[in-house]
PDB file of N, CA and C in Angstrom:
ATOM      1  N   MET A   1      -3.174  58.606   8.656  1.00  0.00           N
ATOM      2  CA  MET A   1      -3.168  57.996   9.814  1.00  0.00           C
ATOM      3  C   MET A   1      -4.892  57.783  10.120  1.00  0.00           C
ATOM      4  N   ALA A   2      -5.370  56.978  10.557  1.00  0.00           N
ATOM      5  CA  ALA A   2      -6.887  56.596  10.827  1.00  0.00           C
ATOM      6  C   ALA A   2      -7.258  57.308  12.265  1.00  0.00           C
ATOM      7  N   ALA A   3      -8.260  57.857  12.315  1.00  0.00           N
ATOM      8  CA  ALA A   3      -8.724  58.306  13.578  1.00  0.00           C
ATOM      9  C   ALA A   3      -9.448  57.309  14.506  1.00  0.00           C
ATOM     10  N   ILE A   4      -9.290  57.338  15.506  1.00  0.00           N
ATOM     11  CA  ILE A   4      -9.619  56.461  16.651  1.00  0.00           C
ATOM     12  C   ILE A   4     -11.018  57.134  17.202  1.00  0.00           C
ATOM     13  N   SER A   5     -11.909  56.292  17.467  1.00  0.00           N
ATOM     14  CA  SER A   5     -13.312  56.774  17.935  1.00  0.00           C
ATOM     15  C   SER A   5     -13.400  56.047  19.303  1.00  0.00           C
ATOM     16  N   ILE A   6     -13.200  57.054  20.384  1.00  0.00           N
ATOM     17  CA  ILE A   6     -13.406  56.742  21.862  1.00  0.00           C
ATOM     18  C   ILE A   6     -14.605  57.120  22.369  1.00  0.00           C
ATOM     19  N   ASN A   7     -15.267  56.201  23.245  1.00  0.00           N
ATOM     20  CA  ASN A   7     -16.294  56.445  24.018  1.00  0.00           C
ATOM     21  C   ASN A   7     -16.314  55.666  25.234  1.00  0.00           C
ATOM     22  N   VAL A   8     -17.059  55.684  25.931  1.00  0.00           N
ATOM     23  CA  VAL A   8     -17.138  55.096  27.130  1.00  0.00           C
ATOM     24  C   VAL A   8     -17.015  53.752  27.498  1.00  0.00           C
ATOM     25  N   SER A   9     -17.686  53.108  26.380  1.00  0.00           N
ATOM     26  CA  SER A   9     -17.807  51.703  26.492  1.00  0.00           C
ATOM     27  C   SER A   9     -16.405  51.061  25.762  1.00  0.00           C
ATOM     28  N   THR A  10     -15.638  51.807  25.422  1.00  0.00           N
ATOM     29  CA  THR A  10     -14.486  51.076  24.826  1.00  0.00           C
ATOM     30  C   THR A  10     -13.094  51.549  25.536  1.00  0.00           C
ATOM     31  N   VAL A  11     -13.273  52.327  26.861  1.00  0.00           N
ATOM     32  CA  VAL A  11     -12.336  52.435  27.753  1.00  0.00           C
ATOM     33  C   VAL A  11     -12.428  51.355  28.811  1.00  0.00           C
ATOM     34  N   LYS A  12     -11.180  50.634  28.908  1.00  0.00           N
ATOM     35  CA  LYS A  12     -11.193  49.555  29.917  1.00  0.00           C
ATOM     36  C   LYS A  12      -9.740  49.747  30.807  1.00  0.00           C
ATOM     37  N   PRO A  13     -10.067  50.390  31.960  1.00  0.00           N
ATOM     38  CA  PRO A  13      -9.056  50.615  32.879  1.00  0.00           C
ATOM     39  C   PRO A  13      -7.910  49.247  32.964  1.00  0.00           C
ATOM     40  N   LEU A  14      -6.693  49.478  33.350  1.00  0.00           N
ATOM     41  CA  LEU A  14      -5.600  48.393  33.497  1.00  0.00           C
ATOM     42  C   LEU A  14      -5.450  48.397  35.130  1.00  0.00           C
ATOM     43  N   GLY A  15      -4.932  47.278  35.376  1.00  0.00           N
ATOM     44  CA  GLY A  15      -4.500  47.292  36.961  1.00  0.00           C
ATOM     45  C   GLY A  15      -5.635  47.517  37.938  1.00  0.00           C
ATOM     46  N   ASP A  16      -5.216  48.608  38.790  1.00  0.00           N
ATOM     47  CA  ASP A  16      -5.875  48.903  39.971  1.00  0.00           C
ATOM     48  C   ASP A  16      -6.568  50.306  39.460  1.00  0.00           C
ATOM     49  N   ARG A  17      -6.778  50.824  38.219  1.00  0.00           N
ATOM     50  CA  ARG A  17      -7.374  51.909  38.009  1.00  0.00           C
ATOM     51  C   ARG A  17      -8.897  51.856  37.933  1.00  0.00           C
ATOM     52  N   ILE A  18      -9.588  52.957  38.021  1.00  0.00           N
ATOM     53  CA  ILE A  18     -11.166  52.885  38.197  1.00  0.00           C
ATOM     54  C   ILE A  18     -11.470  54.415  37.113  1.00  0.00           C
ATOM     55  N   PHE A  19     -12.469  54.367  36.229  1.00  0.00           N
ATOM     56  CA  PHE A  19     -12.615  55.248  35.512  1.00  0.00           C
ATOM     57  C   PHE A  19     -14.186  55.798  36.021  1.00  0.00           C
ATOM     58  N   VAL A  20     -14.270  56.962  36.139  1.00  0.00           N
ATOM     59  CA  VAL A  20     -15.181  57.678  37.070  1.00  0.00           C
ATOM     60  C   VAL A  20     -15.830  58.921  36.168  1.00  0.00           C
ATOM     61  N   LYS A  21     -17.241  58.976  36.134  1.00  0.00           N
ATOM     62  CA  LYS A  21     -17.946  59.686  35.581  1.00  0.00           C
ATOM     63  C   LYS A  21     -17.966  61.092  36.692  1.00  0.00           C
ATOM     64  N   VAL A  22     -17.633  62.222  36.348  1.00  0.00           N
ATOM     65  CA  VAL A  22     -17.616  63.345  37.310  1.00  0.00           C
ATOM     66  C   VAL A  22     -19.183  63.909  37.491  1.00  0.00           C
ATOM     67  N   SER A  23     -19.445  64.064  38.694  1.00  0.00           N
ATOM     68  CA  SER A  23     -20.819  64.871  39.111  1.00  0.00           C
ATOM     69  C   SER A  23     -20.738  66.152  38.615  1.00  0.00           C
ATOM     70  N   PRO A  24     -21.562  66.670  38.316  1.00  0.00           N
ATOM     71  CA  PRO A  24     -21.640  68.287  37.745  1.00  0.00           C
ATOM     72  C   PRO A  24     -21.272  68.916  39.071  1.00  0.00           C
ATOM     73  N   ALA A  25     -20.416  70.061  38.619  1.00  0.00           N
ATOM     74  CA  ALA A  25     -20.167  71.052  39.709  1.00  0.00           C
ATOM     75  C   ALA A  25     -21.185  72.132  40.048  1.00  0.00           C
ATOM     76  N   GLU A  26     -21.297  72.367  41.475  1.00  0.00           N
ATOM     77  CA  GLU A  26     -22.481  73.097  41.997  1.00  0.00           C
ATOM     78  C   GLU A  26     -22.431  74.637  41.463  1.00  0.00           C
ATOM     79  N   GLU A  27     -23.535  75.083  41.009  1.00  0.00           N
ATOM     80  CA  GLU A  27     -23.578  76.394  40.197  1.00  0.00           C
ATOM     81  C   GLU A  27     -24.152  77.488  41.104  1.00  0.00           C
ATOM     82  N   LYS A  28     -24.425  77.225  42.351  1.00  0.00           N
ATOM     83  CA  LYS A  28     -25.067  78.152  43.157  1.00  0.00           C
ATOM     84  C   LYS A  28     -24.376  77.941  44.636  1.00  0.00           C
ATOM     85  N   THR A  29     -24.301  78.963  45.278  1.00  0.00           N
ATOM     86  CA  THR A  29     -23.924  78.582  46.576  1.00  0.00           C
ATOM     87  C   THR A  29     -24.951  78.337  47.551  1.00  0.00           C
ATOM     88  N   ALA A  30     -24.969  78.134  48.757  1.00  0.00           N
ATOM     89  CA  ALA A  30     -26.157  77.662  49.775  1.00  0.00           C
ATOM     90  C   ALA A  30     -26.892  79.005  49.940  1.00  0.00           C
ATOM     91  N   GLY A  31     -26.343  80.108  49.625  1.00  0.00           N
ATOM     92  CA  GLY A  31     -27.414  81.190  49.515  1.00  0.00           C
ATOM     93  C   GLY A  31     -28.045  81.692  48.404  1.00  0.00           C
ATOM     94  N   GLY A  32     -27.670  81.007  47.394  1.00  0.00           N
ATOM     95  CA  GLY A  32     -28.410  81.061  46.192  1.00  0.00           C
ATOM     96  C   GLY A  32     -27.851  82.116  45.178  1.00  0.00           C
ATOM     97  N   ILE A  33     -26.544  82.289  45.527  1.00  0.00           N
ATOM     98  CA  ILE A  33     -25.514  83.093  44.355  1.00  0.00           C
ATOM     99  C   ILE A  33     -25.155  82.430  43.366  1.00  0.00           C
ATOM    100  N   LEU A  34     -25.452  82.670  42.050  1.00  0.00           N
ATOM    101  CA  LEU A  34     -24.677  81.962  40.982  1.00  0.00           C
ATOM    102  C   LEU A  34     -23.295  82.047  40.776  1.00  0.00           C
ATOM    103  N   LEU A  35     -22.478  80.948  40.730  1.00  0.00           N
ATOM    104  CA  LEU A  35     -20.964  81.091  40.569  1.00  0.00           C
ATOM    105  C   LEU A  35     -20.660  81.013  38.903  1.00  0.00           C
ATOM    106  N   PRO A  36     -19.741  81.854  38.652  1.00  0.00           N
ATOM    107  CA  PRO A  36     -19.230  81.713  37.256  1.00  0.00           C
ATOM    108  C   PRO A  36     -18.514  80.609  37.129  1.00  0.00           C
ATOM    109  N   ASP A  37     -18.133  80.075  35.939  1.00  0.00           N
ATOM    110  CA  ASP A  37     -17.425  78.735  35.674  1.00  0.00           C
ATOM    111  C   ASP A  37     -16.084  78.862  36.436  1.00  0.00           C
ATOM    112  N   ASN A  38     -15.460  79.970  36.245  1.00  0.00           N
ATOM    113  CA  ASN A  38     -14.075  80.053  36.928  1.00  0.00           C
ATOM    114  C   ASN A  38     -13.969  79.952  38.504  1.00  0.00           C
ATOM    115  N   ALA A  39     -15.041  80.197  39.130  1.00  0.00           N
ATOM    116  CA  ALA A  39     -15.112  80.255  40.685  1.00  0.00           C
ATOM    117  C   ALA A  39     -15.795  78.829  41.180  1.00  0.00           C
ATOM    118  N   GLN A  40     -16.328  77.938  40.207  1.00  0.00           N
ATOM    119  CA  GLN A  40     -16.729  76.722  40.763  1.00  0.00           C
ATOM    120  C   GLN A  40     -15.666  75.870  41.285  1.00  0.00           C
ATOM    121  N   GLU A  41     -15.788  74.949  42.142  1.00  0.00           N
ATOM    122  CA  GLU A  41     -14.879  74.100  42.602  1.00  0.00           C
ATOM    123  C   GLU A  41     -14.844  72.832  41.812  1.00  0.00           C
ATOM    124  N   LYS A  42     -13.764  72.246  41.785  1.00  0.00           N
ATOM    125  CA  LYS A  42     -13.619  70.716  41.018  1.00  0.00           C
ATOM    126  C   LYS A  42     -14.470  69.846  41.808  1.00  0.00           C
ATOM    127  N   PRO A  43     -15.615  69.125  41.052  1.00  0.00           N
ATOM    128  CA  PRO A  43     -16.108  68.205  41.903  1.00  0.00           C
ATOM    129  C   PRO A  43     -15.225  67.011  42.410  1.00  0.00           C
ATOM    130  N   GLN A  44     -15.449  66.264  43.604  1.00  0.00           N
ATOM    131  CA  GLN A  44     -14.834  65.322  44.005  1.00  0.00           C
ATOM    132  C   GLN A  44     -15.676  64.062  43.974  1.00  0.00           C
ATOM    133  N   ILE A  45     -16.877  64.005  43.568  1.00  0.00           N
ATOM    134  CA  ILE A  45     -17.936  62.965  43.828  1.00  0.00           C
ATOM    135  C   ILE A  45     -18.208  62.438  42.263  1.00  0.00           C
ATOM    136  N   GLY A  46     -18.072  61.009  42.119  1.00  0.00           N
ATOM    137  CA  GLY A  46     -18.534  60.646  40.795  1.00  0.00           C
ATOM    138  C   GLY A  46     -18.960  59.234  40.884  1.00  0.00           C
ATOM    139  N   GLU A  47     -19.377  58.834  39.884  1.00  0.00           N
ATOM    140  CA  GLU A  47     -20.059  57.320  39.718  1.00  0.00           C
ATOM    141  C   GLU A  47     -18.919  56.622  38.963  1.00  0.00           C
ATOM    142  N   VAL A  48     -18.813  55.313  39.227  1.00  0.00           N
ATOM    143  CA  VAL A  48     -17.844  54.473  38.792  1.00  0.00           C
ATOM    144  C   VAL A  48     -18.416  54.001  37.404  1.00  0.00           C
ATOM    145  N   VAL A  49     -17.494  53.801  36.273  1.00  0.00           N
ATOM    146  CA  VAL A  49     -18.170  53.624  35.187  1.00  0.00           C
ATOM    147  C   VAL A  49     -17.412  52.194  34.634  1.00  0.00           C
ATOM    148  N   ALA A  50     -16.382  52.118  34.878  1.00  0.00           N
ATOM    149  CA  ALA A  50     -15.543  51.011  34.683  1.00  0.00           C
ATOM    150  C   ALA A  50     -14.261  50.854  35.670  1.00  0.00           C
ATOM    151  N   VAL A  51     -13.883  49.565  35.819  1.00  0.00           N
ATOM    152  CA  VAL A  51     -12.822  49.101  36.852  1.00  0.00           C
ATOM    153  C   VAL A  51     -11.863  48.237  36.240  1.00  0.00           C
ATOM    154  N   GLY A  52     -10.620  48.397  36.501  1.00  0.00           N
ATOM    155  CA  GLY A  52      -9.347  47.503  36.156  1.00  0.00           C
ATOM    156  C   GLY A  52      -9.709  46.070  36.672  1.00  0.00           C
ATOM    157  N   PRO A  53      -8.944  45.135  36.464  1.00  0.00           N
ATOM    158  CA  PRO A  53      -9.089  43.777  36.803  1.00  0.00           C
ATOM    159  C   PRO A  53      -8.432  43.627  38.349  1.00  0.00           C
ATOM    160  N   GLY A  54      -7.676  44.823  38.882  1.00  0.00           N
ATOM    161  CA  GLY A  54      -6.918  44.858  40.028  1.00  0.00           C
ATOM    162  C   GLY A  54      -5.570  44.736  40.127  1.00  0.00           C
ATOM    163  N   LYS A  55      -4.794  45.152  41.221  1.00  0.00           N
ATOM    164  CA  LYS A  55      -3.497  45.300  41.391  1.00  0.00           C
ATOM    165  C   LYS A  55      -2.677  43.729  41.431  1.00  0.00           C
ATOM    166  N   ARG A  56      -1.826  43.453  40.755  1.00  0.00           N
ATOM    167  CA  ARG A  56      -1.197  41.973  40.768  1.00  0.00           C
ATOM    168  C   ARG A  56      -0.483  42.019  41.894  1.00  0.00           C
ATOM    169  N   ASN A  57      -0.565  40.926  42.665  1.00  0.00           N
ATOM    170  CA  ASN A  57       0.269  40.577  43.827  1.00  0.00           C
ATOM    171  C   ASN A  57       1.520  40.016  43.436  1.00  0.00           C
ATOM    172  N   ASP A  58       2.498  39.878  44.273  1.00  0.00           N
ATOM    173  CA  ASP A  58       3.669  39.085  44.258  1.00  0.00           C
ATOM    174  C   ASP A  58       3.653  37.867  43.612  1.00  0.00           C
ATOM    175  N   ASP A  59       2.572  36.978  44.074  1.00  0.00           N
ATOM    176  CA  ASP A  59       2.388  35.574  43.582  1.00  0.00           C
ATOM    177  C   ASP A  59       1.762  35.640  42.407  1.00  0.00           C
ATOM    178  N   GLY A  60       1.535  36.647  41.651  1.00  0.00           N
ATOM    179  CA  GLY A  60       0.809  36.814  40.314  1.00  0.00           C
ATOM    180  C   GLY A  60      -0.687  36.703  40.412  1.00  0.00           C
ATOM    181  N   SER A  61      -1.331  36.550  41.460  1.00  0.00           N
ATOM    182  CA  SER A  61      -2.815  36.751  41.597  1.00  0.00           C
ATOM    183  C   SER A  61      -3.245  38.101  41.620  1.00  0.00           C
ATOM    184  N   ARG A  62      -4.440  38.246  41.187  1.00  0.00           N
ATOM    185  CA  ARG A  62      -4.948  40.007  41.418  1.00  0.00           C
ATOM    186  C   ARG A  62      -5.495  40.066  42.741  1.00  0.00           C
ATOM    187  N   SER A  63      -5.412  41.399  43.066  1.00  0.00           N
ATOM    188  CA  SER A  63      -6.416  41.638  44.528  1.00  0.00           C
ATOM    189  C   SER A  63      -7.661  42.475  44.039  1.00  0.00           C
ATOM    190  N   GLU A  64      -8.690  41.834  44.532  1.00  0.00           N
ATOM    191  CA  GLU A  64     -10.070  42.617  44.002  1.00  0.00           C
ATOM    192  C   GLU A  64     -10.097  44.004  44.660  1.00  0.00           C
ATOM    193  N   LEU A  65     -10.839  44.911  43.692  1.00  0.00           N
ATOM    194  CA  LEU A  65     -11.103  46.103  44.123  1.00  0.00           C
ATOM    195  C   LEU A  65     -12.142  46.331  45.086  1.00  0.00           C
ATOM    196  N   ASP A  66     -12.120  47.476  45.735  1.00  0.00           N
ATOM    197  CA  ASP A  66     -13.221  47.777  46.967  1.00  0.00           C
ATOM    198  C   ASP A  66     -14.345  48.195  46.166  1.00  0.00           C
ATOM    199  N   VAL A  67     -14.349  48.663  45.020  1.00  0.00           N
ATOM    200  CA  VAL A  67     -15.471  49.365  44.330  1.00  0.00           C
ATOM    201  C   VAL A  67     -15.943  48.554  43.267  1.00  0.00           C
ATOM    202  N   LYS A  68     -17.101  49.001  42.606  1.00  0.00           N
ATOM    203  CA  LYS A  68     -17.628  48.278  41.591  1.00  0.00           C
ATOM    204  C   LYS A  68     -18.373  49.188  40.678  1.00  0.00           C
ATOM    205  N   VAL A  69     -18.668  48.841  39.332  1.00  0.00           N
ATOM    206  CA  VAL A  69     -19.420  49.730  38.457  1.00  0.00           C
ATOM    207  C   VAL A  69     -20.576  49.928  39.133  1.00  0.00           C
ATOM    208  N   GLY A  70     -21.037  51.412  39.147  1.00  0.00           N
ATOM    209  CA  GLY A  70     -22.424  51.616  39.605  1.00  0.00           C
ATOM    210  C   GLY A  70     -22.129  52.609  40.932  1.00  0.00           C
ATOM    211  N   ASP A  71     -21.095  52.253  41.609  1.00  0.00           N
ATOM    212  CA  ASP A  71     -20.998  52.990  42.917  1.00  0.00           C
ATOM    213  C   ASP A  71     -20.824  54.516  43.038  1.00  0.00           C
ATOM    214  N   LYS A  72     -20.989  54.980  43.833  1.00  0.00           N
ATOM    215  CA  LYS A  72     -20.759  56.635  43.893  1.00  0.00           C
ATOM    216  C   LYS A  72     -19.510  56.659  44.871  1.00  0.00           C
ATOM    217  N   VAL A  73     -18.657  57.531  44.434  1.00  0.00           N
ATOM    218  CA  VAL A  73     -17.274  57.344  45.245  1.00  0.00           C
ATOM    219  C   VAL A  73     -16.917  58.972  45.316  1.00  0.00           C
ATOM    220  N   LEU A  74     -16.145  59.329  46.581  1.00  0.00           N
ATOM    221  CA  LEU A  74     -15.440  60.556  46.843  1.00  0.00           C
ATOM    222  C   LEU A  74     -14.031  60.293  46.630  1.00  0.00           C
ATOM    223  N   TYR A  75     -13.396  61.293  45.807  1.00  0.00           N
ATOM    224  CA  TYR A  75     -11.959  60.889  45.590  1.00  0.00           C
ATOM    225  C   TYR A  75     -11.015  62.204  45.729  1.00  0.00           C
ATOM    226  N   SER A  76      -9.844  62.059  45.903  1.00  0.00           N
ATOM    227  CA  SER A  76      -8.928  63.077  46.390  1.00  0.00           C
ATOM    228  C   SER A  76      -9.084  64.232  45.041  1.00  0.00           C
ATOM    229  N   LYS A  77      -8.949  65.530  45.499  1.00  0.00           N
ATOM    230  CA  LYS A  77      -9.102  66.955  44.763  1.00  0.00           C
ATOM    231  C   LYS A  77      -8.366  66.888  43.693  1.00  0.00           C
ATOM    232  N   TYR A  78      -7.135  66.625  43.527  1.00  0.00           N
ATOM    233  CA  TYR A  78      -6.204  66.632  42.338  1.00  0.00           C
ATOM    234  C   TYR A  78      -5.711  65.435  42.041  1.00  0.00           C
ATOM    235  N   ALA A  79      -6.388  64.234  42.075  1.00  0.00           N
ATOM    236  CA  ALA A  79      -6.109  62.958  41.752  1.00  0.00           C
ATOM    237  C   ALA A  79      -6.451  62.697  40.518  1.00  0.00           C
ATOM    238  N   GLY A  80      -5.787  61.861  39.594  1.00  0.00           N
ATOM    239  CA  GLY A  80      -6.101  61.164  38.662  1.00  0.00           C
ATOM    240  C   GLY A  80      -5.695  61.916  37.238  1.00  0.00           C
ATOM    241  N   THR A  81      -6.223  61.476  35.999  1.00  0.00           N
ATOM    242  CA  THR A  81      -6.259  62.209  34.838  1.00  0.00           C
ATOM    243  C   THR A  81      -7.572  62.393  34.271  1.00  0.00           C
ATOM    244  N   ASP A  82      -7.853  63.779  33.840  1.00  0.00           N
ATOM    245  CA  ASP A  82      -9.135  64.318  33.460  1.00  0.00           C
ATOM    246  C   ASP A  82      -9.176  64.023  32.231  1.00  0.00           C
ATOM    247  N   VAL A  83     -10.503  63.358  31.591  1.00  0.00           N
ATOM    248  CA  VAL A  83     -10.753  62.883  30.523  1.00  0.00           C
ATOM    249  C   VAL A  83     -11.984  63.526  30.070  1.00  0.00           C
ATOM    250  N   LYS A  84     -12.278  64.026  28.667  1.00  0.00           N
ATOM    251  CA  LYS A  84     -13.557  64.597  28.261  1.00  0.00           C
ATOM    252  C   LYS A  84     -14.096  63.694  27.054  1.00  0.00           C
ATOM    253  N   LEU A  85     -15.211  63.006  27.222  1.00  0.00           N
ATOM    254  CA  LEU A  85     -15.713  62.316  26.094  1.00  0.00           C
ATOM    255  C   LEU A  85     -17.101  62.656  26.005  1.00  0.00           C
ATOM    256  N   SER A  86     -17.478  62.689  24.717  1.00  0.00           N
ATOM    257  CA  SER A  86     -18.727  63.038  24.456  1.00  0.00           C
ATOM    258  C   SER A  86     -19.491  64.228  25.319  1.00  0.00           C
ATOM    259  N   GLY A  87     -18.599  65.220  25.366  1.00  0.00           N
ATOM    260  CA  GLY A  87     -19.184  66.302  26.491  1.00  0.00           C
ATOM    261  C   GLY A  87     -19.286  66.134  27.734  1.00  0.00           C
ATOM    262  N   ASP A  88     -19.025  65.048  28.157  1.00  0.00           N
ATOM    263  CA  ASP A  88     -18.895  64.733  29.698  1.00  0.00           C
ATOM    264  C   ASP A  88     -17.884  64.526  30.253  1.00  0.00           C
ATOM    265  N   ASP A  89     -17.576  64.958  31.654  1.00  0.00           N
ATOM    266  CA  ASP A  89     -16.016  65.072  32.364  1.00  0.00           C
ATOM    267  C   ASP A  89     -15.979  63.593  32.877  1.00  0.00           C
ATOM    268  N   TYR A  90     -14.861  62.969  32.777  1.00  0.00           N
ATOM    269  CA  TYR A  90     -14.495  61.774  33.485  1.00  0.00           C
ATOM    270  C   TYR A  90     -13.127  61.865  33.860  1.00  0.00           C
ATOM    271  N   VAL A  91     -12.852  61.058  35.044  1.00  0.00           N
ATOM    272  CA  VAL A  91     -11.535  61.050  35.799  1.00  0.00           C
ATOM    273  C   VAL A  91     -11.025  59.608  35.747  1.00  0.00           C
ATOM    274  N   LEU A  92      -9.659  59.245  35.344  1.00  0.00           N
ATOM    275  CA  LEU A  92      -9.186  57.987  35.330  1.00  0.00           C
ATOM    276  C   LEU A  92      -8.410  57.932  36.915  1.00  0.00           C
ATOM    277  N   LEU A  93      -8.652  57.486  37.741  1.00  0.00           N
ATOM    278  CA  LEU A  93      -8.050  57.112  38.979  1.00  0.00           C
ATOM    279  C   LEU A  93      -7.426  55.814  39.506  1.00  0.00           C
ATOM    280  N   SER A  94      -6.185  55.997  40.171  1.00  0.00           N
ATOM    281  CA  SER A  94      -5.599  54.864  40.925  1.00  0.00           C
ATOM    282  C   SER A  94      -6.765  54.410  42.171  1.00  0.00           C
ATOM    283  N   GLU A  95      -6.844  53.218  42.505  1.00  0.00           N
ATOM    284  CA  GLU A  95      -7.785  52.860  43.601  1.00  0.00           C
ATOM    285  C   GLU A  95      -7.315  53.568  44.975  1.00  0.00           C
ATOM    286  N   LYS A  96      -6.051  53.910  45.080  1.00  0.00           N
ATOM    287  CA  LYS A  96      -5.553  54.553  46.291  1.00  0.00           C
ATOM    288  C   LYS A  96      -6.119  55.978  46.362  1.00  0.00           C
ATOM    289  N   ASP A  97      -6.476  56.364  45.217  1.00  0.00           N
ATOM    290  CA  ASP A  97      -7.136  58.006  45.314  1.00  0.00           C
ATOM    291  C   ASP A  97      -8.419  57.963  45.467  1.00  0.00           C
ATOM    292  N   ILE A  98      -9.277  56.764  45.834  1.00  0.00           N
ATOM    293  CA  ILE A  98     -10.626  56.849  46.131  1.00  0.00           C
ATOM    294  C   ILE A  98     -10.515  56.857  47.567  1.00  0.00           C
ATOM    295  N   LEU A  99     -11.242  57.800  48.201  1.00  0.00           N
ATOM    296  CA  LEU A  99     -11.284  58.025  49.786  1.00  0.00           C
ATOM    297  C   LEU A  99     -12.497  57.348  50.437  1.00  0.00           C
ATOM    298  N   ALA A 100     -13.733  57.188  49.706  1.00  0.00           N
ATOM    299  CA  ALA A 100     -14.900  56.660  50.320  1.00  0.00           C
ATOM    300  C   ALA A 100     -15.975  56.257  49.436  1.00  0.00           C
ATOM    301  N   ALA A 101     -16.870  55.272  49.571  1.00  0.00           N
ATOM    302  CA  ALA A 101     -17.926  55.069  48.864  1.00  0.00           C
ATOM    303  C   ALA A 101     -18.964  55.950  49.395  1.00  0.00           C
ATOM    304  N   VAL A 102     -19.798  56.543  48.777  1.00  0.00           N
ATOM    305  CA  VAL A 102     -20.826  57.440  49.189  1.00  0.00           C
ATOM    306  C   VAL A 102     -22.227  56.743  48.843  1.00  0.00           C
ATOM    307  N   ALA A 103     -23.081  56.583  49.825  1.00  0.00           N
ATOM    308  CA  ALA A 103     -24.289  55.891  49.859  1.00  0.00           C
ATOM    309  C   ALA A 103     -25.417  56.899  49.065  1.00  0.00           C
TER     310      ALA A 103
END
């Protein structure tokens, strides 16, 4: 069986899916206390690196997504599928799991 090499540029989300690079978790509290890995909360902010073509409507056309590549987004805490590529964390989300675009 041949091995498949996957990197960020080869991932193309389908439908209304969005591929997001997860921002690093906070390693310190506001008071300056260092947190161990198991005490860090899962980040909910990331940068969009790829988007799908959009959800297909009843008439066969596609609805445009509200976010584009390069946008920073806030997403639901336990949403999506976690993916690790080249040591970086990514999450594959549905558009409905995006809560807000962050300026």
